[in-house]
PDB file of N, CA and C in Angstrom:
ATOM      1  N   UNK A   1     120.762  93.677 131.464  1.00  0.00           N
ATOM      2  CA  UNK A   1     120.497  94.958 131.463  1.00  0.00           C
ATOM      3  C   UNK A   1     121.029  95.583 130.317  1.00  0.00           C
ATOM      4  N   UNK A   2     120.720  96.138 129.340  1.00  0.00           N
ATOM      5  CA  UNK A   2     121.700  96.707 128.206  1.00  0.00           C
ATOM      6  C   UNK A   2     122.376  98.164 128.724  1.00  0.00           C
ATOM      7  N   UNK A   3     124.008  98.291 128.799  1.00  0.00           N
ATOM      8  CA  UNK A   3     124.206  99.648 129.252  1.00  0.00           C
ATOM      9  C   UNK A   3     124.687 100.226 127.820  1.00  0.00           C
ATOM     10  N   UNK A   4     124.582 101.649 128.271  1.00  0.00           N
ATOM     11  CA  UNK A   4     125.042 102.376 126.996  1.00  0.00           C
ATOM     12  C   UNK A   4     126.252 103.394 127.518  1.00  0.00           C
ATOM     13  N   UNK A   5     127.247 103.265 126.857  1.00  0.00           N
ATOM     14  CA  UNK A   5     128.561 103.850 126.998  1.00  0.00           C
ATOM     15  C   UNK A   5     128.368 104.951 126.424  1.00  0.00           C
ATOM     16  N   UNK A   6     128.567 106.638 127.136  1.00  0.00           N
ATOM     17  CA  UNK A   6     128.514 107.715 126.231  1.00  0.00           C
ATOM     18  C   UNK A   6     129.887 108.216 126.445  1.00  0.00           C
ATOM     19  N   UNK A   7     130.352 109.105 125.152  1.00  0.00           N
ATOM     20  CA  UNK A   7     131.622 109.243 124.605  1.00  0.00           C
ATOM     21  C   UNK A   7     131.520 110.407 124.135  1.00  0.00           C
ATOM     22  N   UNK A   8     132.388 111.113 124.232  1.00  0.00           N
ATOM     23  CA  UNK A   8     132.260 113.013 123.459  1.00  0.00           C
ATOM     24  C   UNK A   8     133.895 113.035 122.673  1.00  0.00           C
ATOM     25  N   UNK A   9     134.461 112.018 122.817  1.00  0.00           N
ATOM     26  CA  UNK A   9     135.957 111.920 121.926  1.00  0.00           C
ATOM     27  C   UNK A   9     135.550 111.006 120.436  1.00  0.00           C
ATOM     28  N   UNK A  10     135.226 112.427 119.789  1.00  0.00           N
ATOM     29  CA  UNK A  10     134.893 111.781 118.491  1.00  0.00           C
ATOM     30  C   UNK A  10     135.664 111.430 117.464  1.00  0.00           C
ATOM     31  N   UNK A  11     137.181 111.719 117.708  1.00  0.00           N
ATOM     32  CA  UNK A  11     138.282 110.997 116.885  1.00  0.00           C
ATOM     33  C   UNK A  11     138.541 109.788 117.572  1.00  0.00           C
ATOM     34  N   UNK A  12     137.718 108.996 118.296  1.00  0.00           N
ATOM     35  CA  UNK A  12     138.242 107.647 118.730  1.00  0.00           C
ATOM     36  C   UNK A  12     137.329 106.889 117.561  1.00  0.00           C
ATOM     37  N   UNK A  13     137.979 105.665 117.443  1.00  0.00           N
ATOM     38  CA  UNK A  13     137.538 104.579 116.710  1.00  0.00           C
ATOM     39  C   UNK A  13     136.169 103.773 117.020  1.00  0.00           C
ATOM     40  N   UNK A  14     135.963 103.922 118.079  1.00  0.00           N
ATOM     41  CA  UNK A  14     134.530 103.394 118.891  1.00  0.00           C
ATOM     42  C   UNK A  14     133.620 104.439 119.084  1.00  0.00           C
ATOM     43  N   UNK A  15     133.866 105.610 118.883  1.00  0.00           N
ATOM     44  CA  UNK A  15     132.928 106.695 118.674  1.00  0.00           C
ATOM     45  C   UNK A  15     131.894 106.534 117.559  1.00  0.00           C
ATOM     46  N   UNK A  16     130.644 106.769 117.875  1.00  0.00           N
ATOM     47  CA  UNK A  16     129.751 106.970 117.177  1.00  0.00           C
ATOM     48  C   UNK A  16     128.620 108.167 117.205  1.00  0.00           C
ATOM     49  N   UNK A  17     128.333 108.691 116.337  1.00  0.00           N
ATOM     50  CA  UNK A  17     127.450 109.591 116.381  1.00  0.00           C
ATOM     51  C   UNK A  17     126.298 109.349 117.522  1.00  0.00           C
ATOM     52  N   UNK A  18     126.114 110.538 117.963  1.00  0.00           N
ATOM     53  CA  UNK A  18     124.963 110.861 119.154  1.00  0.00           C
ATOM     54  C   UNK A  18     125.775 110.097 120.376  1.00  0.00           C
ATOM     55  N   UNK A  19     126.962 110.562 120.417  1.00  0.00           N
ATOM     56  CA  UNK A  19     128.177 110.396 121.706  1.00  0.00           C
ATOM     57  C   UNK A  19     128.134 109.344 122.480  1.00  0.00           C
ATOM     58  N   UNK A  20     128.075 108.143 121.541  1.00  0.00           N
ATOM     59  CA  UNK A  20     127.935 106.711 121.986  1.00  0.00           C
ATOM     60  C   UNK A  20     129.395 106.140 121.769  1.00  0.00           C
ATOM     61  N   UNK A  21     129.587 105.243 122.775  1.00  0.00           N
ATOM     62  CA  UNK A  21     131.121 104.354 122.724  1.00  0.00           C
ATOM     63  C   UNK A  21     130.291 103.200 122.036  1.00  0.00           C
ATOM     64  N   UNK A  22     131.144 102.186 121.135  1.00  0.00           N
ATOM     65  CA  UNK A  22     130.680 100.931 120.439  1.00  0.00           C
ATOM     66  C   UNK A  22     131.435  99.969 120.263  1.00  0.00           C
ATOM     67  N   UNK A  23     132.494  99.956 121.545  1.00  0.00           N
ATOM     68  CA  UNK A  23     133.643  99.312 121.972  1.00  0.00           C
ATOM     69  C   UNK A  23     132.760  98.165 122.913  1.00  0.00           C
ATOM     70  N   UNK A  24     132.872  96.782 122.578  1.00  0.00           N
ATOM     71  CA  UNK A  24     132.345  95.811 123.238  1.00  0.00           C
ATOM     72  C   UNK A  24     132.725  95.441 124.727  1.00  0.00           C
ATOM     73  N   UNK A  25     133.847  96.382 124.980  1.00  0.00           N
ATOM     74  CA  UNK A  25     134.577  96.671 125.976  1.00  0.00           C
ATOM     75  C   UNK A  25     135.126  97.837 126.701  1.00  0.00           C
ATOM     76  N   UNK A  26     135.160  98.300 127.524  1.00  0.00           N
ATOM     77  CA  UNK A  26     135.959  99.388 127.927  1.00  0.00           C
ATOM     78  C   UNK A  26     136.976  99.103 129.213  1.00  0.00           C
ATOM     79  N   UNK A  27     137.877  99.666 129.201  1.00  0.00           N
ATOM     80  CA  UNK A  27     138.912  99.983 130.611  1.00  0.00           C
ATOM     81  C   UNK A  27     138.920 101.400 131.175  1.00  0.00           C
ATOM     82  N   UNK A  28     138.270 101.429 131.949  1.00  0.00           N
ATOM     83  CA  UNK A  28     138.713 102.797 132.854  1.00  0.00           C
ATOM     84  C   UNK A  28     139.404 102.479 133.759  1.00  0.00           C
ATOM     85  N   UNK A  29     140.633 103.467 134.087  1.00  0.00           N
ATOM     86  CA  UNK A  29     141.461 103.536 135.001  1.00  0.00           C
ATOM     87  C   UNK A  29     142.049 104.885 135.449  1.00  0.00           C
ATOM     88  N   UNK A  30     142.941 104.918 136.427  1.00  0.00           N
ATOM     89  CA  UNK A  30     143.448 106.204 136.963  1.00  0.00           C
ATOM     90  C   UNK A  30     144.475 106.795 136.090  1.00  0.00           C
ATOM     91  N   UNK A  31     144.286 107.937 135.587  1.00  0.00           N
ATOM     92  CA  UNK A  31     145.489 108.718 135.251  1.00  0.00           C
ATOM     93  C   UNK A  31     146.609 108.235 135.132  1.00  0.00           C
ATOM     94  N   UNK A  32     147.414 107.746 136.581  1.00  0.00           N
ATOM     95  CA  UNK A  32     148.591 107.785 136.504  1.00  0.00           C
ATOM     96  C   UNK A  32     148.732 106.053 136.056  1.00  0.00           C
ATOM     97  N   UNK A  33     147.893 104.950 136.094  1.00  0.00           N
ATOM     98  CA  UNK A  33     148.060 103.864 135.326  1.00  0.00           C
ATOM     99  C   UNK A  33     147.748 104.110 133.838  1.00  0.00           C
ATOM    100  N   UNK A  34     147.134 104.941 133.285  1.00  0.00           N
ATOM    101  CA  UNK A  34     147.106 105.121 131.927  1.00  0.00           C
ATOM    102  C   UNK A  34     148.127 105.718 131.329  1.00  0.00           C
ATOM    103  N   UNK A  35     148.653 106.630 132.049  1.00  0.00           N
ATOM    104  CA  UNK A  35     149.771 106.895 131.724  1.00  0.00           C
ATOM    105  C   UNK A  35     151.146 106.424 131.248  1.00  0.00           C
ATOM    106  N   UNK A  36     150.809 105.225 132.464  1.00  0.00           N
ATOM    107  CA  UNK A  36     152.229 104.376 132.651  1.00  0.00           C
ATOM    108  C   UNK A  36     152.431 103.422 131.771  1.00  0.00           C
ATOM    109  N   UNK A  37     151.326 102.885 131.060  1.00  0.00           N
ATOM    110  CA  UNK A  37     151.160 101.634 130.506  1.00  0.00           C
ATOM    111  C   UNK A  37     150.537 102.012 129.107  1.00  0.00           C
ATOM    112  N   UNK A  38     151.433 100.767 128.331  1.00  0.00           N
ATOM    113  CA  UNK A  38     151.197 100.872 126.819  1.00  0.00           C
ATOM    114  C   UNK A  38     149.885 100.471 126.282  1.00  0.00           C
ATOM    115  N   UNK A  39     149.313 100.954 125.344  1.00  0.00           N
ATOM    116  CA  UNK A  39     148.245 100.756 124.738  1.00  0.00           C
ATOM    117  C   UNK A  39     147.805  99.297 124.650  1.00  0.00           C
ATOM    118  N   UNK A  40     148.544  98.340 124.558  1.00  0.00           N
ATOM    119  CA  UNK A  40     148.353  96.607 124.440  1.00  0.00           C
ATOM    120  C   UNK A  40     147.503  96.436 126.006  1.00  0.00           C
ATOM    121  N   UNK A  41     147.975  97.146 126.944  1.00  0.00           N
ATOM    122  CA  UNK A  41     147.091  96.888 128.152  1.00  0.00           C
ATOM    123  C   UNK A  41     145.611  97.695 128.120  1.00  0.00           C
ATOM    124  N   UNK A  42     144.704  96.560 128.115  1.00  0.00           N
ATOM    125  CA  UNK A  42     143.372  97.196 128.263  1.00  0.00           C
ATOM    126  C   UNK A  42     142.344  96.209 128.528  1.00  0.00           C
ATOM    127  N   UNK A  43     141.257  96.429 128.084  1.00  0.00           N
ATOM    128  CA  UNK A  43     139.892  95.752 128.575  1.00  0.00           C
ATOM    129  C   UNK A  43     140.058  94.355 128.709  1.00  0.00           C
ATOM    130  N   UNK A  44     140.764  93.715 127.740  1.00  0.00           N
ATOM    131  CA  UNK A  44     140.849  92.040 127.714  1.00  0.00           C
ATOM    132  C   UNK A  44     141.604  91.488 128.440  1.00  0.00           C
ATOM    133  N   UNK A  45     142.698  92.440 129.363  1.00  0.00           N
ATOM    134  CA  UNK A  45     143.647  91.868 130.315  1.00  0.00           C
ATOM    135  C   UNK A  45     143.169  92.428 131.861  1.00  0.00           C
ATOM    136  N   UNK A  46     141.796  93.058 131.813  1.00  0.00           N
ATOM    137  CA  UNK A  46     141.455  93.388 133.246  1.00  0.00           C
ATOM    138  C   UNK A  46     141.311  92.753 134.310  1.00  0.00           C
ATOM    139  N   UNK A  47     141.134  91.261 134.224  1.00  0.00           N
ATOM    140  CA  UNK A  47     140.952  90.298 135.272  1.00  0.00           C
ATOM    141  C   UNK A  47     142.924  90.282 135.824  1.00  0.00           C
ATOM    142  N   UNK A  48     143.958  90.796 135.141  1.00  0.00           N
ATOM    143  CA  UNK A  48     144.985  90.661 135.513  1.00  0.00           C
ATOM    144  C   UNK A  48     145.601  91.800 136.377  1.00  0.00           C
ATOM    145  N   UNK A  49     144.447  93.098 136.098  1.00  0.00           N
ATOM    146  CA  UNK A  49     145.137  94.105 136.610  1.00  0.00           C
ATOM    147  C   UNK A  49     144.819  94.285 138.582  1.00  0.00           C
ATOM    148  N   UNK A  50     145.760  94.863 139.001  1.00  0.00           N
ATOM    149  CA  UNK A  50     145.309  94.982 140.619  1.00  0.00           C
ATOM    150  C   UNK A  50     144.680  96.419 140.640  1.00  0.00           C
ATOM    151  N   UNK A  51     143.159  96.495 141.149  1.00  0.00           N
ATOM    152  CA  UNK A  51     142.458  97.694 141.227  1.00  0.00           C
ATOM    153  C   UNK A  51     143.218  98.722 141.917  1.00  0.00           C
ATOM    154  N   UNK A  52     142.938  99.911 141.838  1.00  0.00           N
ATOM    155  CA  UNK A  52     143.630 101.258 142.477  1.00  0.00           C
ATOM    156  C   UNK A  52     142.360 102.097 142.895  1.00  0.00           C
ATOM    157  N   UNK A  53     142.623 102.855 143.578  1.00  0.00           N
ATOM    158  CA  UNK A  53     141.645 104.101 143.925  1.00  0.00           C
ATOM    159  C   UNK A  53     142.061 105.399 143.163  1.00  0.00           C
ATOM    160  N   UNK A  54     141.013 105.659 142.862  1.00  0.00           N
ATOM    161  CA  UNK A  54     141.436 107.035 142.000  1.00  0.00           C
ATOM    162  C   UNK A  54     141.433 108.486 143.336  1.00  0.00           C
ATOM    163  N   UNK A  55     140.639 108.424 144.149  1.00  0.00           N
ATOM    164  CA  UNK A  55     140.379 109.597 144.893  1.00  0.00           C
ATOM    165  C   UNK A  55     139.204 110.471 144.308  1.00  0.00           C
ATOM    166  N   UNK A  56     139.461 110.714 142.833  1.00  0.00           N
ATOM    167  CA  UNK A  56     138.181 111.745 142.394  1.00  0.00           C
ATOM    168  C   UNK A  56     138.035 111.393 140.946  1.00  0.00           C
ATOM    169  N   UNK A  57     137.249 111.866 140.233  1.00  0.00           N
ATOM    170  CA  UNK A  57     136.525 111.552 139.052  1.00  0.00           C
ATOM    171  C   UNK A  57     137.618 112.232 138.318  1.00  0.00           C
ATOM    172  N   UNK A  58     138.516 113.332 138.325  1.00  0.00           N
ATOM    173  CA  UNK A  58     138.950 113.921 137.561  1.00  0.00           C
ATOM    174  C   UNK A  58     140.692 112.924 137.528  1.00  0.00           C
ATOM    175  N   UNK A  59     140.850 111.900 138.258  1.00  0.00           N
ATOM    176  CA  UNK A  59     141.891 111.308 138.489  1.00  0.00           C
ATOM    177  C   UNK A  59     142.026 110.052 137.375  1.00  0.00           C
ATOM    178  N   UNK A  60     140.950 110.035 136.558  1.00  0.00           N
ATOM    179  CA  UNK A  60     140.048 108.904 135.968  1.00  0.00           C
ATOM    180  C   UNK A  60     140.660 109.208 134.317  1.00  0.00           C
ATOM    181  N   UNK A  61     140.705 107.951 133.610  1.00  0.00           N
ATOM    182  CA  UNK A  61     140.333 107.829 131.990  1.00  0.00           C
ATOM    183  C   UNK A  61     140.050 106.922 131.519  1.00  0.00           C
ATOM    184  N   UNK A  62     139.511 106.952 130.209  1.00  0.00           N
ATOM    185  CA  UNK A  62     139.427 105.757 129.841  1.00  0.00           C
ATOM    186  C   UNK A  62     140.209 105.027 128.702  1.00  0.00           C
ATOM    187  N   UNK A  63     141.034 103.909 129.081  1.00  0.00           N
ATOM    188  CA  UNK A  63     141.898 103.132 128.671  1.00  0.00           C
ATOM    189  C   UNK A  63     141.939 102.705 126.936  1.00  0.00           C
ATOM    190  N   UNK A  64     140.458 102.723 126.799  1.00  0.00           N
ATOM    191  CA  UNK A  64     140.166 102.055 125.343  1.00  0.00           C
ATOM    192  C   UNK A  64     140.411 102.470 124.292  1.00  0.00           C
ATOM    193  N   UNK A  65     140.946 104.149 124.168  1.00  0.00           N
ATOM    194  CA  UNK A  65     140.813 104.806 123.156  1.00  0.00           C
ATOM    195  C   UNK A  65     141.844 104.422 121.765  1.00  0.00           C
ATOM    196  N   UNK A  66     141.345 104.526 120.779  1.00  0.00           N
ATOM    197  CA  UNK A  66     142.265 104.322 119.468  1.00  0.00           C
ATOM    198  C   UNK A  66     141.459 105.071 118.469  1.00  0.00           C
ATOM    199  N   UNK A  67     142.762 106.342 118.152  1.00  0.00           N
ATOM    200  CA  UNK A  67     142.365 107.232 117.206  1.00  0.00           C
ATOM    201  C   UNK A  67     141.495 106.717 115.776  1.00  0.00           C
ATOM    202  N   UNK A  68     140.577 107.394 115.426  1.00  0.00           N
ATOM    203  CA  UNK A  68     139.834 107.016 114.115  1.00  0.00           C
ATOM    204  C   UNK A  68     140.727 106.979 113.072  1.00  0.00           C
ATOM    205  N   UNK A  69     140.309 105.919 112.023  1.00  0.00           N
ATOM    206  CA  UNK A  69     140.992 105.746 111.051  1.00  0.00           C
ATOM    207  C   UNK A  69     142.363 105.001 111.104  1.00  0.00           C
ATOM    208  N   UNK A  70     142.561 104.698 112.287  1.00  0.00           N
ATOM    209  CA  UNK A  70     143.905 104.011 112.610  1.00  0.00           C
ATOM    210  C   UNK A  70     144.225 102.653 111.780  1.00  0.00           C
ATOM    211  N   UNK A  71     145.547 102.382 111.806  1.00  0.00           N
ATOM    212  CA  UNK A  71     145.849 101.440 111.086  1.00  0.00           C
ATOM    213  C   UNK A  71     145.995 100.165 112.146  1.00  0.00           C
ATOM    214  N   UNK A  72     145.911 100.217 113.154  1.00  0.00           N
ATOM    215  CA  UNK A  72     146.221  99.568 114.487  1.00  0.00           C
ATOM    216  C   UNK A  72     145.057  99.392 115.519  1.00  0.00           C
ATOM    217  N   UNK A  73     144.181  99.126 114.765  1.00  0.00           N
ATOM    218  CA  UNK A  73     142.705  98.967 115.573  1.00  0.00           C
ATOM    219  C   UNK A  73     142.895  97.900 116.374  1.00  0.00           C
ATOM    220  N   UNK A  74     143.692  97.010 116.055  1.00  0.00           N
ATOM    221  CA  UNK A  74     143.370  95.568 116.602  1.00  0.00           C
ATOM    222  C   UNK A  74     144.299  96.058 118.001  1.00  0.00           C
ATOM    223  N   UNK A  75     145.221  96.853 118.409  1.00  0.00           N
ATOM    224  CA  UNK A  75     146.494  97.128 119.153  1.00  0.00           C
ATOM    225  C   UNK A  75     145.664  96.587 120.901  1.00  0.00           C
ATOM    226  N   UNK A  76     144.654  96.978 120.846  1.00  0.00           N
ATOM    227  CA  UNK A  76     144.056  96.865 122.406  1.00  0.00           C
ATOM    228  C   UNK A  76     143.544  95.683 122.484  1.00  0.00           C
ATOM    229  N   UNK A  77     142.868  94.928 121.553  1.00  0.00           N
ATOM    230  CA  UNK A  77     142.183  93.612 121.420  1.00  0.00           C
ATOM    231  C   UNK A  77     140.828  93.844 121.917  1.00  0.00           C
ATOM    232  N   UNK A  78     140.138  94.787 121.587  1.00  0.00           N
ATOM    233  CA  UNK A  78     138.903  95.030 121.888  1.00  0.00           C
ATOM    234  C   UNK A  78     138.141  95.330 120.816  1.00  0.00           C
ATOM    235  N   UNK A  79     136.842  94.541 120.074  1.00  0.00           N
ATOM    236  CA  UNK A  79     136.079  95.067 119.126  1.00  0.00           C
ATOM    237  C   UNK A  79     135.215  95.830 119.001  1.00  0.00           C
ATOM    238  N   UNK A  80     135.164  96.608 117.828  1.00  0.00           N
ATOM    239  CA  UNK A  80     133.955  97.376 118.177  1.00  0.00           C
ATOM    240  C   UNK A  80     132.552  96.673 117.467  1.00  0.00           C
ATOM    241  N   UNK A  81     131.571  97.045 118.309  1.00  0.00           N
ATOM    242  CA  UNK A  81     130.530  96.616 118.174  1.00  0.00           C
ATOM    243  C   UNK A  81     129.663  97.053 116.739  1.00  0.00           C
ATOM    244  N   UNK A  82     129.241  96.274 116.110  1.00  0.00           N
ATOM    245  CA  UNK A  82     128.222  96.567 115.028  1.00  0.00           C
ATOM    246  C   UNK A  82     126.963  97.467 115.238  1.00  0.00           C
TER     247      UNK A  82
END
């Protein structure tokens, strides 16, 4: 089954017109986790991260954001899909 990840953060490296995320993996985390971890903690490390409960949708975030035109697009270890 092919998945489609929808994103409206247009200044992200993985954003594609049509509101698509073209990262080959993403990490969705709690806001608390996202705020407390460096950018290098991302989807490629997911098997090493202890799951948490968010409680509500409003307490979650995508941890795979990289600014568009960033010189450090490899910081998260995630690849942009073609």
